[in-house]
Amino acid sequence: LPTLTSPSSLSALASLVVRGATTANGAIKPKMLLSDPAYGFYPETKTKCLGTLAQPDSLGGLAPSTLLRPEADQQPLLNTLRANNPAVVTLQPIFMAQGTDDTTTFPFLTDRLNTDLVDLGNAVDYKVYDGADHSSVIEESEADSLDFLGSRLPAPRR
């Protein structure tokens, strides 16, 4: 998050992740973890949906780099996130599509996920679509998605 210095909807998502993590680990203290501006919006994570929280007049108006207090002890949060993100190894191949202009699921995060999955021994077919954002990547990847599924599903019955 430190490199994400522009206001972003990712701030809303990250705040919801903190909210969820607090239910699993009472050692996570949002008031001590979140910056004053982020904590000011934090109660809204109980009553508003992601789309509303992501607006510029809410958490979406904050840069992700400003969400955490610089001196905050992030260890309880990080421990909880690690415990809830186990290594995934599948017997079946995985298809992932990523747009270069996606500001909802940032490409560097999907790149990292791809590397992690491959390092664990998964067969990943990872495609990146130049200029596609979070919505248009669906259409851009349609042919590749259908080819991927078609090569793995049984032929239709006649």
N, C-alpha and C. Protein backbone atom coordinates (compact mmCIF):
# COMPACT_ATOMS: atom_id res chain seq x y z
N LEU A 1 0.79 -1.21 0.00
CA LEU A 1 0.00 0.00 0.00
C LEU A 1 0.83 1.27 0.00
N PRO A 2 2.08 1.25 0.49
CA PRO A 2 2.85 2.50 0.56
C PRO A 2 3.05 3.19 -0.79
N THR A 3 3.07 2.43 -1.88
CA THR A 3 3.32 3.05 -3.18
C THR A 3 2.05 3.58 -3.84
N LEU A 4 0.90 3.30 -3.26
CA LEU A 4 -0.38 3.73 -3.85
C LEU A 4 -0.79 5.05 -3.21
N THR A 5 -0.33 6.14 -3.82
CA THR A 5 -0.46 7.46 -3.21
C THR A 5 -1.63 8.30 -3.73
N SER A 6 -2.42 7.76 -4.65
CA SER A 6 -3.60 8.48 -5.15
C SER A 6 -4.86 7.88 -4.54
N PRO A 7 -5.87 8.70 -4.30
CA PRO A 7 -7.13 8.16 -3.79
C PRO A 7 -7.62 7.02 -4.67
N SER A 8 -8.18 5.98 -4.03
CA SER A 8 -8.54 4.78 -4.77
C SER A 8 -9.62 4.00 -4.05
N SER A 9 -10.41 3.28 -4.83
CA SER A 9 -11.42 2.38 -4.27
C SER A 9 -10.77 1.25 -3.48
N LEU A 10 -9.50 1.00 -3.72
CA LEU A 10 -8.78 -0.03 -2.97
C LEU A 10 -8.78 0.27 -1.47
N SER A 11 -8.85 1.54 -1.11
CA SER A 11 -8.90 1.91 0.30
C SER A 11 -10.15 1.35 0.97
N ALA A 12 -11.26 1.36 0.24
CA ALA A 12 -12.51 0.80 0.78
C ALA A 12 -12.37 -0.70 0.96
N LEU A 13 -11.82 -1.37 -0.03
CA LEU A 13 -11.64 -2.82 0.06
C LEU A 13 -10.70 -3.18 1.20
N ALA A 14 -9.60 -2.46 1.32
CA ALA A 14 -8.64 -2.74 2.39
C ALA A 14 -9.29 -2.53 3.76
N SER A 15 -10.14 -1.53 3.89
CA SER A 15 -10.82 -1.28 5.16
C SER A 15 -11.80 -2.40 5.50
N LEU A 16 -12.45 -2.94 4.48
CA LEU A 16 -13.34 -4.09 4.71
C LEU A 16 -12.54 -5.32 5.11
N VAL A 17 -11.35 -5.47 4.57
CA VAL A 17 -10.47 -6.59 4.96
C VAL A 17 -10.11 -6.44 6.44
N VAL A 18 -9.78 -5.23 6.86
CA VAL A 18 -9.48 -4.99 8.28
C VAL A 18 -10.70 -5.34 9.12
N ARG A 19 -11.88 -4.91 8.71
CA ARG A 19 -13.11 -5.20 9.46
C ARG A 19 -13.28 -6.71 9.61
N GLY A 20 -13.12 -7.44 8.53
CA GLY A 20 -13.26 -8.89 8.59
C GLY A 20 -12.21 -9.54 9.48
N ALA A 21 -10.98 -9.06 9.39
CA ALA A 21 -9.89 -9.64 10.18
C ALA A 21 -10.12 -9.43 11.68
N THR A 22 -10.78 -8.34 12.05
CA THR A 22 -11.02 -8.09 13.48
C THR A 22 -11.97 -9.13 14.06
N THR A 23 -12.81 -9.72 13.23
CA THR A 23 -13.72 -10.76 13.74
C THR A 23 -12.97 -12.04 14.05
N ALA A 24 -11.82 -12.23 13.42
CA ALA A 24 -11.03 -13.44 13.64
C ALA A 24 -9.95 -13.24 14.69
N ASN A 25 -9.57 -12.00 14.93
CA ASN A 25 -8.44 -11.75 15.84
C ASN A 25 -8.69 -10.47 16.64
N GLY A 26 -9.02 -10.65 17.91
CA GLY A 26 -9.29 -9.53 18.80
C GLY A 26 -8.08 -8.66 19.08
N ALA A 27 -6.89 -9.14 18.72
CA ALA A 27 -5.67 -8.34 18.93
C ALA A 27 -5.54 -7.22 17.91
N ILE A 28 -6.33 -7.27 16.85
CA ILE A 28 -6.31 -6.20 15.85
C ILE A 28 -7.15 -5.05 16.39
N LYS A 29 -6.54 -3.93 16.59
CA LYS A 29 -7.20 -2.75 17.15
C LYS A 29 -7.27 -1.67 16.07
N PRO A 30 -8.41 -1.56 15.37
CA PRO A 30 -8.51 -0.61 14.27
C PRO A 30 -8.14 0.83 14.65
N LYS A 31 -8.51 1.27 15.84
CA LYS A 31 -8.20 2.65 16.25
C LYS A 31 -6.69 2.87 16.33
N MET A 32 -5.95 1.84 16.68
CA MET A 32 -4.49 1.93 16.77
C MET A 32 -3.82 1.67 15.42
N LEU A 33 -4.52 0.97 14.53
CA LEU A 33 -3.95 0.56 13.24
C LEU A 33 -4.22 1.59 12.15
N LEU A 34 -5.44 2.07 12.07
CA LEU A 34 -5.84 2.97 11.00
C LEU A 34 -5.50 4.43 11.32
N SER A 35 -5.18 5.17 10.27
CA SER A 35 -4.93 6.61 10.43
C SER A 35 -6.23 7.29 10.86
N ASP A 36 -6.14 8.50 11.38
CA ASP A 36 -7.33 9.22 11.81
C ASP A 36 -8.35 9.38 10.67
N PRO A 37 -7.92 9.79 9.46
CA PRO A 37 -8.91 9.91 8.38
C PRO A 37 -9.58 8.57 8.05
N ALA A 38 -8.81 7.51 8.00
CA ALA A 38 -9.39 6.19 7.68
C ALA A 38 -10.30 5.72 8.80
N TYR A 39 -9.88 5.95 10.03
CA TYR A 39 -10.70 5.51 11.16
C TYR A 39 -12.01 6.30 11.23
N GLY A 40 -12.00 7.53 10.76
CA GLY A 40 -13.22 8.33 10.73
C GLY A 40 -14.30 7.69 9.87
N PHE A 41 -13.91 6.99 8.81
CA PHE A 41 -14.85 6.30 7.93
C PHE A 41 -15.10 4.85 8.37
N TYR A 42 -14.28 4.34 9.25
CA TYR A 42 -14.32 2.91 9.61
C TYR A 42 -15.70 2.43 10.06
N PRO A 43 -16.46 3.19 10.86
CA PRO A 43 -17.80 2.71 11.25
C PRO A 43 -18.71 2.41 10.05
N GLU A 44 -18.48 3.10 8.94
CA GLU A 44 -19.29 2.86 7.74
C GLU A 44 -19.09 1.45 7.18
N THR A 45 -17.98 0.79 7.52
CA THR A 45 -17.73 -0.56 7.00
C THR A 45 -18.73 -1.57 7.56
N LYS A 46 -19.50 -1.17 8.57
CA LYS A 46 -20.54 -2.05 9.12
C LYS A 46 -21.89 -1.83 8.45
N THR A 47 -22.06 -0.70 7.78
CA THR A 47 -23.40 -0.35 7.29
C THR A 47 -23.48 -0.06 5.80
N LYS A 48 -22.35 0.09 5.14
CA LYS A 48 -22.37 0.46 3.72
C LYS A 48 -21.67 -0.60 2.88
N CYS A 49 -22.10 -0.71 1.62
CA CYS A 49 -21.51 -1.69 0.71
C CYS A 49 -20.21 -1.14 0.11
N LEU A 50 -19.47 -2.01 -0.53
CA LEU A 50 -18.18 -1.63 -1.11
C LEU A 50 -18.33 -0.49 -2.11
N GLY A 51 -19.35 -0.55 -2.95
CA GLY A 51 -19.54 0.51 -3.95
C GLY A 51 -19.71 1.89 -3.33
N THR A 52 -20.42 1.96 -2.22
CA THR A 52 -20.61 3.23 -1.53
C THR A 52 -19.34 3.66 -0.81
N LEU A 53 -18.69 2.71 -0.16
CA LEU A 53 -17.44 3.02 0.55
C LEU A 53 -16.34 3.49 -0.41
N ALA A 54 -16.40 3.03 -1.65
CA ALA A 54 -15.36 3.35 -2.63
C ALA A 54 -15.51 4.73 -3.25
N GLN A 55 -16.58 5.44 -2.92
CA GLN A 55 -16.82 6.77 -3.49
C GLN A 55 -15.83 7.79 -2.92
N PRO A 56 -15.57 8.86 -3.68
CA PRO A 56 -14.62 9.88 -3.23
C PRO A 56 -14.98 10.56 -1.91
N ASP A 57 -16.26 10.57 -1.54
CA ASP A 57 -16.64 11.20 -0.28
C ASP A 57 -16.58 10.22 0.90
N SER A 58 -16.01 9.07 0.66
CA SER A 58 -15.84 8.06 1.70
C SER A 58 -14.40 7.54 1.62
N LEU A 59 -14.22 6.29 1.89
CA LEU A 59 -12.87 5.71 1.90
C LEU A 59 -12.18 5.80 0.53
N GLY A 60 -12.97 5.80 -0.55
CA GLY A 60 -12.39 5.94 -1.88
C GLY A 60 -11.69 7.26 -2.10
N GLY A 61 -11.93 8.23 -1.25
CA GLY A 61 -11.25 9.52 -1.33
C GLY A 61 -9.90 9.53 -0.66
N LEU A 62 -9.53 8.41 -0.07
CA LEU A 62 -8.22 8.31 0.59
C LEU A 62 -7.27 7.46 -0.23
N ALA A 63 -6.02 7.85 -0.25
CA ALA A 63 -5.00 7.02 -0.89
C ALA A 63 -4.70 5.82 0.01
N PRO A 64 -4.53 4.63 -0.57
CA PRO A 64 -4.19 3.46 0.24
C PRO A 64 -2.96 3.68 1.12
N SER A 65 -2.02 4.47 0.64
CA SER A 65 -0.80 4.72 1.42
C SER A 65 -1.06 5.50 2.71
N THR A 66 -2.25 6.08 2.83
CA THR A 66 -2.57 6.87 4.03
C THR A 66 -3.46 6.13 5.02
N LEU A 67 -3.78 4.88 4.75
CA LEU A 67 -4.73 4.15 5.60
C LEU A 67 -4.19 3.79 6.97
N LEU A 68 -2.93 3.40 7.03
CA LEU A 68 -2.36 2.91 8.29
C LEU A 68 -1.52 3.98 8.98
N ARG A 69 -1.54 3.94 10.29
CA ARG A 69 -0.64 4.80 11.06
C ARG A 69 0.78 4.31 10.83
N PRO A 70 1.72 5.21 10.60
CA PRO A 70 3.10 4.77 10.35
C PRO A 70 3.68 3.94 11.50
N GLU A 71 3.29 4.24 12.73
CA GLU A 71 3.85 3.54 13.89
C GLU A 71 3.02 2.33 14.31
N ALA A 72 1.98 2.02 13.57
CA ALA A 72 1.05 0.95 13.96
C ALA A 72 1.72 -0.42 13.94
N ASP A 73 1.35 -1.24 14.91
CA ASP A 73 1.78 -2.64 14.94
C ASP A 73 0.87 -3.42 13.99
N GLN A 74 1.38 -3.75 12.82
CA GLN A 74 0.61 -4.44 11.79
C GLN A 74 0.66 -5.96 11.96
N GLN A 75 1.48 -6.45 12.87
CA GLN A 75 1.70 -7.89 12.98
C GLN A 75 0.42 -8.70 13.22
N PRO A 76 -0.47 -8.29 14.15
CA PRO A 76 -1.70 -9.08 14.32
C PRO A 76 -2.52 -9.18 13.03
N LEU A 77 -2.62 -8.08 12.29
CA LEU A 77 -3.35 -8.10 11.02
C LEU A 77 -2.65 -9.02 10.02
N LEU A 78 -1.34 -8.86 9.88
CA LEU A 78 -0.60 -9.69 8.93
C LEU A 78 -0.69 -11.17 9.29
N ASN A 79 -0.62 -11.49 10.56
CA ASN A 79 -0.73 -12.89 10.99
C ASN A 79 -2.10 -13.46 10.63
N THR A 80 -3.13 -12.67 10.82
CA THR A 80 -4.49 -13.12 10.50
C THR A 80 -4.66 -13.31 9.00
N LEU A 81 -4.14 -12.38 8.22
CA LEU A 81 -4.24 -12.51 6.77
C LEU A 81 -3.49 -13.74 6.26
N ARG A 82 -2.30 -13.97 6.81
CA ARG A 82 -1.54 -15.16 6.41
C ARG A 82 -2.29 -16.45 6.76
N ALA A 83 -2.88 -16.49 7.94
CA ALA A 83 -3.60 -17.69 8.37
C ALA A 83 -4.83 -17.95 7.52
N ASN A 84 -5.37 -16.91 6.92
CA ASN A 84 -6.57 -17.06 6.10
C ASN A 84 -6.28 -17.06 4.61
N ASN A 85 -5.04 -17.18 4.25
CA ASN A 85 -4.64 -17.24 2.85
C ASN A 85 -3.69 -18.40 2.66
N PRO A 86 -4.20 -19.61 2.82
CA PRO A 86 -3.32 -20.76 2.74
C PRO A 86 -2.78 -20.97 1.34
N ALA A 87 -1.67 -21.67 1.26
CA ALA A 87 -1.10 -22.02 -0.04
C ALA A 87 -2.11 -22.89 -0.78
N VAL A 88 -2.35 -22.55 -2.02
CA VAL A 88 -3.32 -23.27 -2.83
C VAL A 88 -2.59 -24.12 -3.86
N VAL A 89 -2.88 -25.40 -3.83
CA VAL A 89 -2.37 -26.31 -4.85
C VAL A 89 -3.57 -27.05 -5.41
N THR A 90 -3.76 -26.97 -6.70
CA THR A 90 -4.90 -27.62 -7.32
C THR A 90 -4.45 -28.73 -8.26
N LEU A 91 -5.33 -29.67 -8.48
CA LEU A 91 -5.05 -30.72 -9.45
C LEU A 91 -5.42 -30.27 -10.86
N GLN A 92 -6.23 -29.24 -10.94
CA GLN A 92 -6.68 -28.73 -12.23
C GLN A 92 -5.96 -27.42 -12.56
N PRO A 93 -5.79 -27.15 -13.84
CA PRO A 93 -5.15 -25.88 -14.24
C PRO A 93 -6.03 -24.69 -13.89
N ILE A 94 -5.40 -23.54 -13.79
CA ILE A 94 -6.06 -22.29 -13.41
C ILE A 94 -5.91 -21.31 -14.56
N PHE A 95 -7.00 -20.63 -14.92
CA PHE A 95 -6.96 -19.55 -15.91
C PHE A 95 -7.14 -18.23 -15.17
N MET A 96 -6.25 -17.29 -15.43
CA MET A 96 -6.37 -15.94 -14.86
C MET A 96 -6.22 -14.92 -15.97
N ALA A 97 -7.12 -13.94 -15.98
CA ALA A 97 -7.08 -12.84 -16.95
C ALA A 97 -6.90 -11.53 -16.19
N GLN A 98 -5.99 -10.69 -16.66
CA GLN A 98 -5.70 -9.42 -16.00
C GLN A 98 -5.57 -8.32 -17.04
N GLY A 99 -6.23 -7.21 -16.81
CA GLY A 99 -6.09 -6.04 -17.67
C GLY A 99 -5.00 -5.13 -17.15
N THR A 100 -4.24 -4.55 -18.06
CA THR A 100 -3.15 -3.66 -17.64
C THR A 100 -3.66 -2.36 -17.03
N ASP A 101 -4.91 -1.98 -17.36
CA ASP A 101 -5.46 -0.72 -16.85
C ASP A 101 -6.46 -0.94 -15.72
N ASP A 102 -6.42 -2.11 -15.09
CA ASP A 102 -7.33 -2.43 -14.00
C ASP A 102 -6.90 -1.69 -12.74
N THR A 103 -7.79 -0.87 -12.21
CA THR A 103 -7.50 -0.15 -10.97
C THR A 103 -8.30 -0.71 -9.79
N THR A 104 -8.99 -1.83 -10.02
CA THR A 104 -9.70 -2.52 -8.95
C THR A 104 -8.85 -3.69 -8.45
N THR A 105 -8.42 -4.53 -9.37
CA THR A 105 -7.48 -5.59 -9.07
C THR A 105 -6.18 -5.20 -9.77
N PHE A 106 -5.28 -4.62 -9.02
CA PHE A 106 -4.06 -4.08 -9.62
C PHE A 106 -3.21 -5.19 -10.23
N PRO A 107 -2.66 -4.95 -11.42
CA PRO A 107 -1.86 -5.97 -12.09
C PRO A 107 -0.72 -6.52 -11.24
N PHE A 108 -0.07 -5.70 -10.43
CA PHE A 108 1.04 -6.21 -9.65
C PHE A 108 0.57 -7.25 -8.63
N LEU A 109 -0.68 -7.14 -8.18
CA LEU A 109 -1.20 -8.14 -7.25
C LEU A 109 -1.47 -9.47 -7.96
N THR A 110 -2.03 -9.40 -9.17
CA THR A 110 -2.28 -10.62 -9.93
C THR A 110 -0.96 -11.24 -10.39
N ASP A 111 0.01 -10.41 -10.74
CA ASP A 111 1.34 -10.94 -11.08
C ASP A 111 1.91 -11.73 -9.91
N ARG A 112 1.77 -11.17 -8.72
CA ARG A 112 2.28 -11.83 -7.51
C ARG A 112 1.54 -13.14 -7.25
N LEU A 113 0.21 -13.11 -7.40
CA LEU A 113 -0.59 -14.33 -7.21
C LEU A 113 -0.16 -15.40 -8.21
N ASN A 114 0.04 -15.00 -9.45
CA ASN A 114 0.48 -15.95 -10.47
C ASN A 114 1.82 -16.58 -10.07
N THR A 115 2.77 -15.76 -9.67
CA THR A 115 4.08 -16.26 -9.26
C THR A 115 3.94 -17.23 -8.09
N ASP A 116 3.16 -16.86 -7.10
CA ASP A 116 2.96 -17.72 -5.93
C ASP A 116 2.33 -19.06 -6.33
N LEU A 117 1.30 -19.01 -7.16
CA LEU A 117 0.64 -20.25 -7.58
C LEU A 117 1.57 -21.15 -8.38
N VAL A 118 2.32 -20.57 -9.30
CA VAL A 118 3.27 -21.35 -10.11
C VAL A 118 4.37 -21.93 -9.23
N ASP A 119 4.88 -21.13 -8.29
CA ASP A 119 5.93 -21.61 -7.39
C ASP A 119 5.46 -22.79 -6.54
N LEU A 120 4.16 -22.86 -6.28
CA LEU A 120 3.60 -23.97 -5.51
C LEU A 120 3.36 -25.22 -6.37
N GLY A 121 3.55 -25.07 -7.69
CA GLY A 121 3.39 -26.22 -8.57
C GLY A 121 2.09 -26.25 -9.35
N ASN A 122 1.33 -25.16 -9.29
CA ASN A 122 0.08 -25.10 -10.04
C ASN A 122 0.35 -24.83 -11.52
N ALA A 123 -0.50 -25.36 -12.37
CA ALA A 123 -0.46 -25.05 -13.80
C ALA A 123 -1.36 -23.84 -14.02
N VAL A 124 -0.76 -22.71 -14.34
CA VAL A 124 -1.53 -21.47 -14.49
C VAL A 124 -1.39 -20.96 -15.91
N ASP A 125 -2.53 -20.68 -16.52
CA ASP A 125 -2.57 -20.02 -17.82
C ASP A 125 -2.96 -18.57 -17.53
N TYR A 126 -1.94 -17.71 -17.47
CA TYR A 126 -2.12 -16.32 -17.07
C TYR A 126 -1.99 -15.44 -18.30
N LYS A 127 -3.06 -14.72 -18.60
CA LYS A 127 -3.08 -13.83 -19.76
C LYS A 127 -3.27 -12.39 -19.29
N VAL A 128 -2.51 -11.50 -19.89
CA VAL A 128 -2.60 -10.07 -19.60
C VAL A 128 -3.10 -9.37 -20.86
N TYR A 129 -4.10 -8.52 -20.68
CA TYR A 129 -4.74 -7.84 -21.81
C TYR A 129 -4.45 -6.35 -21.75
N ASP A 130 -3.68 -5.89 -22.73
CA ASP A 130 -3.23 -4.51 -22.79
C ASP A 130 -4.42 -3.56 -22.93
N GLY A 131 -4.48 -2.58 -22.04
CA GLY A 131 -5.51 -1.56 -22.10
C GLY A 131 -6.83 -1.95 -21.46
N ALA A 132 -6.97 -3.19 -21.04
CA ALA A 132 -8.24 -3.63 -20.44
C ALA A 132 -8.31 -3.22 -18.97
N ASP A 133 -9.51 -2.79 -18.55
CA ASP A 133 -9.72 -2.47 -17.14
C ASP A 133 -10.50 -3.61 -16.48
N HIS A 134 -11.00 -3.39 -15.28
CA HIS A 134 -11.63 -4.46 -14.50
C HIS A 134 -12.89 -5.00 -15.19
N SER A 135 -13.59 -4.15 -15.93
CA SER A 135 -14.80 -4.60 -16.63
C SER A 135 -14.49 -5.13 -18.02
N SER A 136 -13.70 -4.39 -18.78
CA SER A 136 -13.46 -4.78 -20.17
C SER A 136 -12.59 -6.04 -20.31
N VAL A 137 -11.89 -6.42 -19.26
CA VAL A 137 -11.07 -7.63 -19.35
C VAL A 137 -11.95 -8.87 -19.55
N ILE A 138 -13.19 -8.80 -19.12
CA ILE A 138 -14.09 -9.94 -19.31
C ILE A 138 -14.33 -10.18 -20.79
N GLU A 139 -14.65 -9.14 -21.51
CA GLU A 139 -14.87 -9.27 -22.95
C GLU A 139 -13.55 -9.56 -23.68
N GLU A 140 -12.50 -8.87 -23.28
CA GLU A 140 -11.20 -9.07 -23.93
C GLU A 140 -10.69 -10.51 -23.78
N SER A 141 -11.01 -11.14 -22.67
CA SER A 141 -10.50 -12.49 -22.41
C SER A 141 -11.47 -13.59 -22.83
N GLU A 142 -12.60 -13.22 -23.39
CA GLU A 142 -13.64 -14.21 -23.68
C GLU A 142 -13.14 -15.37 -24.55
N ALA A 143 -12.47 -15.08 -25.64
CA ALA A 143 -12.01 -16.15 -26.53
C ALA A 143 -11.02 -17.07 -25.80
N ASP A 144 -10.08 -16.48 -25.06
CA ASP A 144 -9.11 -17.30 -24.33
C ASP A 144 -9.79 -18.12 -23.23
N SER A 145 -10.76 -17.51 -22.55
CA SER A 145 -11.49 -18.22 -21.50
C SER A 145 -12.24 -19.41 -22.08
N LEU A 146 -12.93 -19.18 -23.19
CA LEU A 146 -13.69 -20.27 -23.81
C LEU A 146 -12.78 -21.36 -24.33
N ASP A 147 -11.65 -20.99 -24.91
CA ASP A 147 -10.67 -22.00 -25.35
C ASP A 147 -10.16 -22.81 -24.17
N PHE A 148 -9.83 -22.13 -23.08
CA PHE A 148 -9.33 -22.80 -21.88
C PHE A 148 -10.37 -23.81 -21.37
N LEU A 149 -11.60 -23.36 -21.20
CA LEU A 149 -12.65 -24.25 -20.71
C LEU A 149 -12.98 -25.35 -21.72
N GLY A 150 -13.05 -24.99 -22.98
CA GLY A 150 -13.38 -25.96 -24.02
C GLY A 150 -12.38 -27.10 -24.12
N SER A 151 -11.13 -26.80 -23.85
CA SER A 151 -10.11 -27.85 -23.94
C SER A 151 -10.11 -28.76 -22.72
N ARG A 152 -10.88 -28.42 -21.70
CA ARG A 152 -10.87 -29.19 -20.47
C ARG A 152 -12.21 -29.85 -20.12
N LEU A 153 -13.27 -29.35 -20.72
CA LEU A 153 -14.60 -29.90 -20.44
C LEU A 153 -14.91 -31.05 -21.41
N PRO A 154 -15.72 -31.98 -20.97
CA PRO A 154 -16.09 -33.06 -21.89
C PRO A 154 -16.93 -32.53 -23.04
N ALA A 155 -16.87 -33.24 -24.14
CA ALA A 155 -17.66 -32.86 -25.31
C ALA A 155 -19.15 -32.97 -24.98
N PRO A 156 -19.96 -32.12 -25.56
CA PRO A 156 -21.41 -32.20 -25.27
C PRO A 156 -21.99 -33.53 -25.74
N ARG A 157 -23.01 -34.00 -25.03
CA ARG A 157 -23.70 -35.24 -25.42
C ARG A 157 -24.60 -34.96 -26.60
N ARG A 158 -24.73 -35.93 -27.42
CA ARG A 158 -25.61 -35.79 -28.59
C ARG A 158 -26.78 -36.71 -28.47
